[in-house]
Amino acid sequence: MLHPSYSDLMKVVNSEVEPGEAPVVNSRYSIVMATSKRARQIIAGEDALVNVRSVKNATKPLSVAVEELNQGKIKILSDEDE
């Protein structure tokens, strides 16, 4: 099982959305695309935005990217914000 779960990650990403506005993320696909993009950035040499020692499986860039998203260190932009 993935920890945090997709639903937990979606809640974190959508936490700053005002009531009545459309959520930034509607599906697991958006979470997967965002974390995979960030993992590729980490592989390319960008520094992690979280303490890598505190992340389980920290040798895996995707695990680091998921934790960054969970801690709110990275944001998923809506189409309007891009």
C-alpha atoms as a PDB file:
ATOM      1  CA  MET A   1       0.000   0.000   0.000  1.00  0.00           C
ATOM      2  CA  LEU A   2       1.181   3.481  -0.837  1.00  0.00           C
ATOM      3  CA  HIS A   3       1.719   5.772   2.132  1.00  0.00           C
ATOM      4  CA  PRO A   4       0.416   8.384   1.965  1.00  0.00           C
ATOM      5  CA  SER A   5      -2.554   7.204  -0.072  1.00  0.00           C
ATOM      6  CA  TYR A   6      -3.686   8.862  -3.284  1.00  0.00           C
ATOM      7  CA  SER A   7      -6.722  10.286  -1.523  1.00  0.00           C
ATOM      8  CA  ASP A   8      -4.488  11.810   1.176  1.00  0.00           C
ATOM      9  CA  LEU A   9      -2.264  13.389  -1.473  1.00  0.00           C
ATOM     10  CA  MET A  10      -5.309  14.750  -3.306  1.00  0.00           C
ATOM     11  CA  LYS A  11      -6.511  16.366  -0.059  1.00  0.00           C
ATOM     12  CA  VAL A  12      -3.105  18.012   0.449  1.00  0.00           C
ATOM     13  CA  VAL A  13      -3.000  19.358  -3.103  1.00  0.00           C
ATOM     14  CA  ASN A  14      -6.584  20.628  -2.979  1.00  0.00           C
ATOM     15  CA  SER A  15      -6.306  22.073   0.546  1.00  0.00           C
ATOM     16  CA  GLU A  16      -5.797  25.644  -0.677  1.00  0.00           C
ATOM     17  CA  VAL A  17      -8.799  25.617  -3.019  1.00  0.00           C
ATOM     18  CA  GLU A  18     -11.543  28.021  -1.968  1.00  0.00           C
ATOM     19  CA  PRO A  19     -15.050  26.609  -1.468  1.00  0.00           C
ATOM     20  CA  GLY A  20     -16.943  26.657  -4.749  1.00  0.00           C
ATOM     21  CA  GLU A  21     -13.807  26.538  -6.902  1.00  0.00           C
ATOM     22  CA  ALA A  22     -12.855  23.517  -8.967  1.00  0.00           C
ATOM     23  CA  PRO A  23     -10.226  21.306  -7.307  1.00  0.00           C
ATOM     24  CA  VAL A  24      -6.706  21.379  -8.753  1.00  0.00           C
ATOM     25  CA  VAL A  25      -6.542  17.575  -8.838  1.00  0.00           C
ATOM     26  CA  ASN A  26      -9.472  15.324  -9.688  1.00  0.00           C
ATOM     27  CA  SER A  27      -7.749  12.023 -10.320  1.00  0.00           C
ATOM     28  CA  ARG A  28      -4.879   9.777  -9.349  1.00  0.00           C
ATOM     29  CA  TYR A  29      -3.472  10.332 -12.838  1.00  0.00           C
ATOM     30  CA  SER A  30      -2.645  13.949 -11.961  1.00  0.00           C
ATOM     31  CA  ILE A  31      -0.820  12.828  -8.814  1.00  0.00           C
ATOM     32  CA  VAL A  32       1.151  10.231 -10.775  1.00  0.00           C
ATOM     33  CA  MET A  33       2.120  12.708 -13.482  1.00  0.00           C
ATOM     34  CA  ALA A  34       3.219  15.383 -10.986  1.00  0.00           C
ATOM     35  CA  THR A  35       5.302  13.036  -8.843  1.00  0.00           C
ATOM     36  CA  SER A  36       6.905  11.358 -11.844  1.00  0.00           C
ATOM     37  CA  LYS A  37       7.875  14.755 -13.283  1.00  0.00           C
ATOM     38  CA  ARG A  38       9.420  15.764  -9.956  1.00  0.00           C
ATOM     39  CA  ALA A  39      11.215  12.410  -9.664  1.00  0.00           C
ATOM     40  CA  ARG A  40      12.796  13.004 -13.087  1.00  0.00           C
ATOM     41  CA  GLN A  41      13.974  16.425 -11.874  1.00  0.00           C
ATOM     42  CA  ILE A  42      15.578  14.802  -8.827  1.00  0.00           C
ATOM     43  CA  ILE A  43      17.257  12.185 -11.036  1.00  0.00           C
ATOM     44  CA  ALA A  44      18.596  15.015 -13.202  1.00  0.00           C
ATOM     45  CA  GLY A  45      20.343  16.480 -10.170  1.00  0.00           C
ATOM     46  CA  GLU A  46      17.947  18.842  -8.434  1.00  0.00           C
ATOM     47  CA  ASP A  47      18.121  18.857  -4.647  1.00  0.00           C
ATOM     48  CA  ALA A  48      15.380  17.244  -2.612  1.00  0.00           C
ATOM     49  CA  LEU A  49      13.142  19.701  -0.754  1.00  0.00           C
ATOM     50  CA  VAL A  50      12.645  17.361   2.211  1.00  0.00           C
ATOM     51  CA  ASN A  51      15.027  15.701   4.620  1.00  0.00           C
ATOM     52  CA  VAL A  52      15.910  12.574   2.661  1.00  0.00           C
ATOM     53  CA  ARG A  53      16.872  10.661   5.804  1.00  0.00           C
ATOM     54  CA  SER A  54      13.314  10.921   7.111  1.00  0.00           C
ATOM     55  CA  VAL A  55      11.834   9.391   3.933  1.00  0.00           C
ATOM     56  CA  LYS A  56      11.370   5.637   3.807  1.00  0.00           C
ATOM     57  CA  ASN A  57      13.060   4.257   0.650  1.00  0.00           C
ATOM     58  CA  ALA A  58      14.867   7.586   0.276  1.00  0.00           C
ATOM     59  CA  THR A  59      17.136   6.135  -2.379  1.00  0.00           C
ATOM     60  CA  LYS A  60      14.154   6.156  -4.719  1.00  0.00           C
ATOM     61  CA  PRO A  61      13.481   9.548  -6.327  1.00  0.00           C
ATOM     62  CA  LEU A  62       9.764   8.795  -6.615  1.00  0.00           C
ATOM     63  CA  SER A  63       9.510   8.233  -2.850  1.00  0.00           C
ATOM     64  CA  VAL A  64      11.191  11.588  -2.271  1.00  0.00           C
ATOM     65  CA  ALA A  65       8.831  13.279  -4.759  1.00  0.00           C
ATOM     66  CA  VAL A  66       5.759  11.794  -3.061  1.00  0.00           C
ATOM     67  CA  GLU A  67       6.973  13.014   0.329  1.00  0.00           C
ATOM     68  CA  GLU A  68       7.647  16.496  -1.085  1.00  0.00           C
ATOM     69  CA  LEU A  69       4.081  16.622  -2.364  1.00  0.00           C
ATOM     70  CA  ASN A  70       2.697  15.305   0.913  1.00  0.00           C
ATOM     71  CA  GLN A  71       4.564  17.964   2.918  1.00  0.00           C
ATOM     72  CA  GLY A  72       3.415  20.724   0.563  1.00  0.00           C
ATOM     73  CA  LYS A  73       6.944  21.503  -0.646  1.00  0.00           C
ATOM     74  CA  ILE A  74       5.844  21.223  -4.284  1.00  0.00           C
ATOM     75  CA  LYS A  75       2.567  22.375  -5.795  1.00  0.00           C
ATOM     76  CA  ILE A  76       0.510  21.160  -8.712  1.00  0.00           C
ATOM     77  CA  LEU A  77      -0.643  24.130 -10.748  1.00  0.00           C
ATOM     78  CA  SER A  78      -4.076  24.248 -12.333  1.00  0.00           C
ATOM     79  CA  ASP A  79      -4.319  24.942 -16.050  1.00  0.00           C
ATOM     80  CA  GLU A  80      -5.223  28.554 -15.280  1.00  0.00           C
ATOM     81  CA  ASP A  81      -2.075  29.065 -13.164  1.00  0.00           C
ATOM     82  CA  GLU A  82       0.350  27.763 -15.783  1.00  0.00           C
END
